Amino acid sequence: MTLKDEFKAFIMKGNVIDLAVAVVVGGAFGKIVTAFVDGVVMPLVTIVLPANIKWEEWVLGKFRIGAVLGATVNFLIISLVIFLVLVKLLQKVSRKKEEAPAAPTTKECPACLEQVPLKATRCKHCTSQLV
């Protein structure tokens, strides 16, 4: 098998195509999450935090501590929003009704306490008559 044929077989595998679709959909979903955070969440955060503090511009020598702090805060906020909206909300929406327990298929023999089929009229262990 030539290198071209091996590469073609690799590309046509379902895993590679699924991964490509996931990357594209993830990128599009990332834009939705960013818009939600910028348009809804961050205005709510600015109510709590004063707007005149430029903490993202803080530096310590040559280190831009504020940029790292800002990226960390943004990551935590985005992660919290994704967790609350996607994980918790979708979990409640897609929660399946609990299945009713299956009807019993056996009963207990009153004489020997062994399990016997429901339709049995005699216990197969002690041969006592079942009601």
N, C-alpha and C. Protein backbone atom coordinates (compact mmCIF):
# COMPACT_ATOMS: atom_id res chain seq x y z
N MET A 1 0.85 -1.17 0.00
CA MET A 1 0.00 0.00 0.00
C MET A 1 0.90 1.24 0.00
N THR A 2 0.60 2.17 -0.88
CA THR A 2 1.42 3.37 -0.98
C THR A 2 1.07 4.36 0.12
N LEU A 3 1.95 5.32 0.28
CA LEU A 3 1.74 6.36 1.29
C LEU A 3 0.45 7.12 1.01
N LYS A 4 0.17 7.37 -0.26
CA LYS A 4 -1.06 8.08 -0.66
C LYS A 4 -2.29 7.27 -0.24
N ASP A 5 -2.27 5.97 -0.49
CA ASP A 5 -3.41 5.11 -0.12
C ASP A 5 -3.58 5.02 1.40
N GLU A 6 -2.46 4.94 2.13
CA GLU A 6 -2.53 4.89 3.58
C GLU A 6 -3.10 6.19 4.15
N PHE A 7 -2.66 7.32 3.58
CA PHE A 7 -3.16 8.61 4.04
C PHE A 7 -4.65 8.74 3.74
N LYS A 8 -5.06 8.31 2.56
CA LYS A 8 -6.48 8.36 2.20
C LYS A 8 -7.31 7.50 3.14
N ALA A 9 -6.83 6.32 3.48
CA ALA A 9 -7.55 5.45 4.42
C ALA A 9 -7.63 6.08 5.80
N PHE A 10 -6.54 6.75 6.21
CA PHE A 10 -6.52 7.42 7.51
C PHE A 10 -7.54 8.56 7.55
N ILE A 11 -7.57 9.38 6.50
CA ILE A 11 -8.47 10.53 6.46
C ILE A 11 -9.93 10.08 6.41
N MET A 12 -10.20 8.99 5.75
CA MET A 12 -11.58 8.53 5.59
C MET A 12 -12.11 7.76 6.79
N LYS A 13 -11.28 7.53 7.78
CA LYS A 13 -11.75 6.88 9.00
C LYS A 13 -12.79 7.76 9.67
N GLY A 14 -13.75 7.14 10.31
CA GLY A 14 -14.81 7.88 10.98
C GLY A 14 -14.29 8.77 12.09
N ASN A 15 -13.25 8.34 12.80
CA ASN A 15 -12.75 9.13 13.93
C ASN A 15 -12.20 10.48 13.47
N VAL A 16 -11.51 10.50 12.35
CA VAL A 16 -10.92 11.75 11.86
C VAL A 16 -12.02 12.70 11.42
N ILE A 17 -13.01 12.18 10.72
CA ILE A 17 -14.11 13.02 10.26
C ILE A 17 -14.91 13.53 11.46
N ASP A 18 -15.18 12.66 12.43
CA ASP A 18 -15.89 13.09 13.63
C ASP A 18 -15.12 14.17 14.37
N LEU A 19 -13.81 14.02 14.44
CA LEU A 19 -12.98 15.03 15.11
C LEU A 19 -13.04 16.36 14.37
N ALA A 20 -13.00 16.32 13.05
CA ALA A 20 -13.07 17.55 12.27
C ALA A 20 -14.41 18.25 12.48
N VAL A 21 -15.49 17.49 12.49
CA VAL A 21 -16.81 18.07 12.73
C VAL A 21 -16.87 18.65 14.13
N ALA A 22 -16.32 17.94 15.11
CA ALA A 22 -16.33 18.42 16.49
C ALA A 22 -15.56 19.73 16.63
N VAL A 23 -14.44 19.86 15.95
CA VAL A 23 -13.65 21.09 16.01
C VAL A 23 -14.42 22.26 15.43
N VAL A 24 -15.07 22.04 14.28
CA VAL A 24 -15.83 23.11 13.64
C VAL A 24 -17.02 23.52 14.51
N VAL A 25 -17.76 22.53 15.00
CA VAL A 25 -18.92 22.83 15.85
C VAL A 25 -18.45 23.48 17.16
N GLY A 26 -17.35 23.00 17.71
CA GLY A 26 -16.81 23.60 18.93
C GLY A 26 -16.41 25.05 18.73
N GLY A 27 -15.82 25.36 17.58
CA GLY A 27 -15.47 26.75 17.28
C GLY A 27 -16.68 27.64 17.18
N ALA A 28 -17.73 27.14 16.52
CA ALA A 28 -18.96 27.91 16.41
C ALA A 28 -19.62 28.07 17.77
N PHE A 29 -19.61 27.02 18.56
CA PHE A 29 -20.20 27.09 19.89
C PHE A 29 -19.40 28.04 20.78
N GLY A 30 -18.08 28.08 20.60
CA GLY A 30 -17.24 29.00 21.35
C GLY A 30 -17.63 30.45 21.10
N LYS A 31 -18.03 30.75 19.86
CA LYS A 31 -18.48 32.11 19.54
C LYS A 31 -19.79 32.43 20.27
N ILE A 32 -20.67 31.44 20.37
CA ILE A 32 -21.94 31.65 21.09
C ILE A 32 -21.66 31.91 22.56
N VAL A 33 -20.78 31.10 23.14
CA VAL A 33 -20.46 31.26 24.56
C VAL A 33 -19.80 32.61 24.81
N THR A 34 -18.88 33.00 23.93
CA THR A 34 -18.21 34.30 24.08
C THR A 34 -19.22 35.44 23.99
N ALA A 35 -20.14 35.36 23.04
CA ALA A 35 -21.16 36.41 22.92
C ALA A 35 -22.04 36.45 24.16
N PHE A 36 -22.40 35.30 24.69
CA PHE A 36 -23.23 35.24 25.89
C PHE A 36 -22.50 35.85 27.07
N VAL A 37 -21.24 35.50 27.22
CA VAL A 37 -20.46 36.03 28.34
C VAL A 37 -20.26 37.53 28.20
N ASP A 38 -19.91 37.98 26.99
CA ASP A 38 -19.69 39.42 26.78
C ASP A 38 -20.98 40.23 26.88
N GLY A 39 -22.09 39.66 26.41
CA GLY A 39 -23.33 40.42 26.36
C GLY A 39 -24.19 40.32 27.60
N VAL A 40 -24.09 39.20 28.33
CA VAL A 40 -24.98 39.01 29.48
C VAL A 40 -24.21 38.93 30.80
N VAL A 41 -23.21 38.09 30.84
CA VAL A 41 -22.52 37.82 32.11
C VAL A 41 -21.63 38.99 32.53
N MET A 42 -20.82 39.49 31.63
CA MET A 42 -19.89 40.55 32.02
C MET A 42 -20.60 41.84 32.43
N PRO A 43 -21.70 42.24 31.80
CA PRO A 43 -22.42 43.39 32.34
C PRO A 43 -22.91 43.16 33.77
N LEU A 44 -23.28 41.94 34.09
CA LEU A 44 -23.66 41.63 35.46
C LEU A 44 -22.46 41.71 36.40
N VAL A 45 -21.29 41.29 35.91
CA VAL A 45 -20.07 41.35 36.73
C VAL A 45 -19.68 42.80 36.98
N THR A 46 -19.87 43.67 35.99
CA THR A 46 -19.49 45.07 36.18
C THR A 46 -20.38 45.77 37.20
N ILE A 47 -21.55 45.20 37.48
CA ILE A 47 -22.38 45.76 38.54
C ILE A 47 -21.70 45.54 39.89
N VAL A 48 -21.05 44.40 40.04
CA VAL A 48 -20.40 44.05 41.30
C VAL A 48 -19.02 44.69 41.41
N LEU A 49 -18.24 44.64 40.33
CA LEU A 49 -16.88 45.19 40.35
C LEU A 49 -16.89 46.64 39.87
N PRO A 50 -16.12 47.50 40.48
CA PRO A 50 -16.04 48.89 40.01
C PRO A 50 -15.41 48.96 38.62
N ALA A 51 -15.94 49.83 37.78
CA ALA A 51 -15.49 49.92 36.39
C ALA A 51 -14.20 50.72 36.23
N ASN A 52 -13.84 51.56 37.18
CA ASN A 52 -12.68 52.44 37.02
C ASN A 52 -11.35 51.76 37.38
N ILE A 53 -11.36 50.54 37.87
CA ILE A 53 -10.12 49.84 38.21
C ILE A 53 -9.62 49.12 36.96
N LYS A 54 -8.39 49.42 36.58
CA LYS A 54 -7.79 48.80 35.39
C LYS A 54 -6.86 47.68 35.82
N TRP A 55 -7.43 46.67 36.46
CA TRP A 55 -6.61 45.59 37.04
C TRP A 55 -5.98 44.71 35.96
N GLU A 56 -6.51 44.72 34.73
CA GLU A 56 -5.90 43.92 33.68
C GLU A 56 -4.59 44.53 33.17
N GLU A 57 -4.28 45.77 33.58
CA GLU A 57 -3.05 46.43 33.16
C GLU A 57 -1.96 46.38 34.24
N TRP A 58 -2.19 45.69 35.33
CA TRP A 58 -1.21 45.58 36.40
C TRP A 58 0.04 44.86 35.91
N VAL A 59 1.18 45.37 36.32
CA VAL A 59 2.45 44.73 35.97
C VAL A 59 3.30 44.60 37.23
N LEU A 60 4.14 43.60 37.23
CA LEU A 60 5.09 43.38 38.31
C LEU A 60 6.45 43.21 37.64
N GLY A 61 7.18 44.33 37.52
CA GLY A 61 8.42 44.31 36.74
C GLY A 61 8.05 44.18 35.27
N LYS A 62 8.56 43.12 34.63
CA LYS A 62 8.23 42.87 33.22
C LYS A 62 7.05 41.90 33.07
N PHE A 63 6.53 41.42 34.18
CA PHE A 63 5.45 40.44 34.15
C PHE A 63 4.10 41.15 34.15
N ARG A 64 3.26 40.80 33.20
CA ARG A 64 1.92 41.38 33.10
C ARG A 64 0.96 40.52 33.91
N ILE A 65 0.97 40.72 35.19
CA ILE A 65 0.15 39.95 36.13
C ILE A 65 -1.34 40.17 35.85
N GLY A 66 -1.71 41.38 35.50
CA GLY A 66 -3.11 41.69 35.24
C GLY A 66 -3.67 40.92 34.07
N ALA A 67 -2.87 40.72 33.03
CA ALA A 67 -3.34 39.96 31.86
C ALA A 67 -3.61 38.51 32.24
N VAL A 68 -2.73 37.93 33.06
CA VAL A 68 -2.93 36.56 33.52
C VAL A 68 -4.15 36.49 34.43
N LEU A 69 -4.26 37.45 35.31
CA LEU A 69 -5.42 37.49 36.21
C LEU A 69 -6.72 37.66 35.43
N GLY A 70 -6.71 38.53 34.42
CA GLY A 70 -7.89 38.74 33.59
C GLY A 70 -8.28 37.49 32.82
N ALA A 71 -7.29 36.81 32.23
CA ALA A 71 -7.58 35.57 31.50
C ALA A 71 -8.12 34.49 32.43
N THR A 72 -7.57 34.45 33.65
CA THR A 72 -8.03 33.46 34.63
C THR A 72 -9.47 33.74 35.06
N VAL A 73 -9.77 35.00 35.32
CA VAL A 73 -11.13 35.36 35.72
C VAL A 73 -12.10 35.08 34.58
N ASN A 74 -11.73 35.44 33.35
CA ASN A 74 -12.59 35.15 32.20
C ASN A 74 -12.82 33.65 32.04
N PHE A 75 -11.77 32.86 32.20
CA PHE A 75 -11.89 31.41 32.10
C PHE A 75 -12.84 30.86 33.15
N LEU A 76 -12.70 31.34 34.38
CA LEU A 76 -13.56 30.85 35.45
C LEU A 76 -15.02 31.25 35.21
N ILE A 77 -15.25 32.45 34.73
CA ILE A 77 -16.61 32.90 34.46
C ILE A 77 -17.22 32.08 33.32
N ILE A 78 -16.46 31.91 32.23
CA ILE A 78 -16.96 31.13 31.10
C ILE A 78 -17.21 29.68 31.51
N SER A 79 -16.30 29.11 32.29
CA SER A 79 -16.48 27.73 32.75
C SER A 79 -17.72 27.61 33.62
N LEU A 80 -17.95 28.57 34.50
CA LEU A 80 -19.13 28.53 35.35
C LEU A 80 -20.40 28.63 34.53
N VAL A 81 -20.41 29.52 33.54
CA VAL A 81 -21.60 29.67 32.69
C VAL A 81 -21.86 28.38 31.91
N ILE A 82 -20.82 27.81 31.33
CA ILE A 82 -20.99 26.56 30.58
C ILE A 82 -21.48 25.46 31.50
N PHE A 83 -20.93 25.38 32.69
CA PHE A 83 -21.36 24.35 33.64
C PHE A 83 -22.82 24.52 34.01
N LEU A 84 -23.21 25.75 34.33
CA LEU A 84 -24.59 25.98 34.75
C LEU A 84 -25.58 25.81 33.61
N VAL A 85 -25.25 26.35 32.45
CA VAL A 85 -26.19 26.30 31.34
C VAL A 85 -26.21 24.94 30.68
N LEU A 86 -25.06 24.43 30.35
CA LEU A 86 -25.03 23.17 29.61
C LEU A 86 -25.19 21.95 30.49
N VAL A 87 -24.38 21.86 31.50
CA VAL A 87 -24.38 20.63 32.29
C VAL A 87 -25.63 20.54 33.15
N LYS A 88 -25.88 21.54 33.97
CA LYS A 88 -26.98 21.45 34.92
C LYS A 88 -28.34 21.62 34.23
N LEU A 89 -28.48 22.60 33.34
CA LEU A 89 -29.76 22.83 32.69
C LEU A 89 -30.12 21.67 31.77
N LEU A 90 -29.18 21.24 30.95
CA LEU A 90 -29.47 20.13 30.05
C LEU A 90 -29.68 18.83 30.80
N GLN A 91 -29.03 18.69 31.94
CA GLN A 91 -29.23 17.51 32.77
C GLN A 91 -30.67 17.46 33.27
N LYS A 92 -31.21 18.61 33.66
CA LYS A 92 -32.60 18.65 34.13
C LYS A 92 -33.57 18.43 32.98
N VAL A 93 -33.26 18.99 31.81
CA VAL A 93 -34.15 18.85 30.66
C VAL A 93 -34.18 17.41 30.16
N SER A 94 -33.02 16.79 30.10
CA SER A 94 -32.95 15.45 29.52
C SER A 94 -33.07 14.34 30.54
N ARG A 95 -33.36 14.69 31.77
CA ARG A 95 -33.49 13.66 32.81
C ARG A 95 -34.65 12.74 32.46
N LYS A 96 -34.35 11.50 32.38
CA LYS A 96 -35.38 10.53 32.02
C LYS A 96 -36.20 10.19 33.25
N LYS A 97 -37.45 9.87 32.99
CA LYS A 97 -38.28 9.43 34.09
C LYS A 97 -37.73 8.11 34.59
N GLU A 98 -37.72 7.99 35.88
CA GLU A 98 -37.21 6.76 36.45
C GLU A 98 -38.13 5.62 36.06
N GLU A 99 -37.50 4.56 35.61
CA GLU A 99 -38.29 3.41 35.19
C GLU A 99 -38.88 2.73 36.41
N ALA A 100 -40.11 2.27 36.23
CA ALA A 100 -40.76 1.54 37.31
C ALA A 100 -40.04 0.21 37.50
N PRO A 101 -39.92 -0.23 38.73
CA PRO A 101 -39.24 -1.51 38.93
C PRO A 101 -40.00 -2.63 38.23
N ALA A 102 -39.24 -3.56 37.71
CA ALA A 102 -39.84 -4.67 36.98
C ALA A 102 -40.70 -5.50 37.92
N ALA A 103 -41.75 -6.03 37.37
CA ALA A 103 -42.64 -6.87 38.17
C ALA A 103 -41.88 -8.12 38.60
N PRO A 104 -42.09 -8.58 39.82
CA PRO A 104 -41.37 -9.75 40.27
C PRO A 104 -41.77 -10.99 39.46
N THR A 105 -40.80 -11.85 39.24
CA THR A 105 -41.06 -13.08 38.49
C THR A 105 -41.05 -14.29 39.40
N THR A 106 -40.69 -14.08 40.66
CA THR A 106 -40.64 -15.19 41.60
C THR A 106 -41.36 -14.81 42.88
N LYS A 107 -41.66 -15.82 43.67
CA LYS A 107 -42.22 -15.60 44.99
C LYS A 107 -41.50 -16.53 45.95
N GLU A 108 -41.69 -16.29 47.23
CA GLU A 108 -41.00 -17.07 48.24
C GLU A 108 -41.92 -18.18 48.75
N CYS A 109 -41.38 -19.39 48.83
CA CYS A 109 -42.14 -20.51 49.38
C CYS A 109 -42.28 -20.28 50.89
N PRO A 110 -43.50 -20.33 51.44
CA PRO A 110 -43.67 -20.09 52.87
C PRO A 110 -43.08 -21.21 53.74
N ALA A 111 -42.92 -22.40 53.18
CA ALA A 111 -42.42 -23.52 53.98
C ALA A 111 -40.89 -23.52 54.07
N CYS A 112 -40.22 -23.39 52.91
CA CYS A 112 -38.75 -23.50 52.93
C CYS A 112 -38.04 -22.19 52.62
N LEU A 113 -38.78 -21.15 52.30
CA LEU A 113 -38.27 -19.80 52.02
C LEU A 113 -37.39 -19.72 50.77
N GLU A 114 -37.50 -20.67 49.86
CA GLU A 114 -36.79 -20.65 48.59
C GLU A 114 -37.60 -19.86 47.56
N GLN A 115 -36.96 -19.34 46.57
CA GLN A 115 -37.63 -18.60 45.50
C GLN A 115 -38.15 -19.59 44.46
N VAL A 116 -39.41 -19.40 44.09
CA VAL A 116 -40.04 -20.25 43.07
C VAL A 116 -40.74 -19.34 42.07
N PRO A 117 -40.97 -19.79 40.83
CA PRO A 117 -41.69 -18.96 39.85
C PRO A 117 -43.09 -18.61 40.33
N LEU A 118 -43.59 -17.47 39.89
CA LEU A 118 -44.91 -17.00 40.32
C LEU A 118 -46.02 -17.97 39.96
N LYS A 119 -45.93 -18.61 38.81
CA LYS A 119 -47.00 -19.49 38.34
C LYS A 119 -46.94 -20.88 38.97
N ALA A 120 -45.90 -21.16 39.74
CA ALA A 120 -45.75 -22.49 40.33
C ALA A 120 -46.86 -22.76 41.34
N THR A 121 -47.34 -24.01 41.36
CA THR A 121 -48.35 -24.41 42.35
C THR A 121 -47.73 -25.26 43.45
N ARG A 122 -46.52 -25.78 43.18
CA ARG A 122 -45.77 -26.55 44.18
C ARG A 122 -44.34 -26.05 44.20
N CYS A 123 -43.73 -26.07 45.36
CA CYS A 123 -42.33 -25.67 45.52
C CYS A 123 -41.45 -26.79 44.96
N LYS A 124 -40.50 -26.45 44.12
CA LYS A 124 -39.61 -27.46 43.55
C LYS A 124 -38.55 -27.92 44.56
N HIS A 125 -38.44 -27.23 45.67
CA HIS A 125 -37.43 -27.60 46.66
C HIS A 125 -38.02 -28.51 47.74
N CYS A 126 -39.18 -28.15 48.27
CA CYS A 126 -39.74 -28.91 49.37
C CYS A 126 -41.07 -29.59 48.99
N THR A 127 -41.53 -29.37 47.79
CA THR A 127 -42.78 -29.93 47.22
C THR A 127 -44.04 -29.55 48.00
N SER A 128 -43.98 -28.51 48.77
CA SER A 128 -45.20 -28.08 49.50
C SER A 128 -46.13 -27.39 48.52
N GLN A 129 -47.40 -27.44 48.82
CA GLN A 129 -48.43 -26.82 47.99
C GLN A 129 -48.37 -25.30 48.19
N LEU A 130 -48.35 -24.55 47.07
CA LEU A 130 -48.30 -23.08 47.13
C LEU A 130 -49.69 -22.53 46.84
N VAL A 131 -50.02 -21.46 47.46
CA VAL A 131 -51.34 -20.85 47.30
C VAL A 131 -51.34 -19.91 46.12
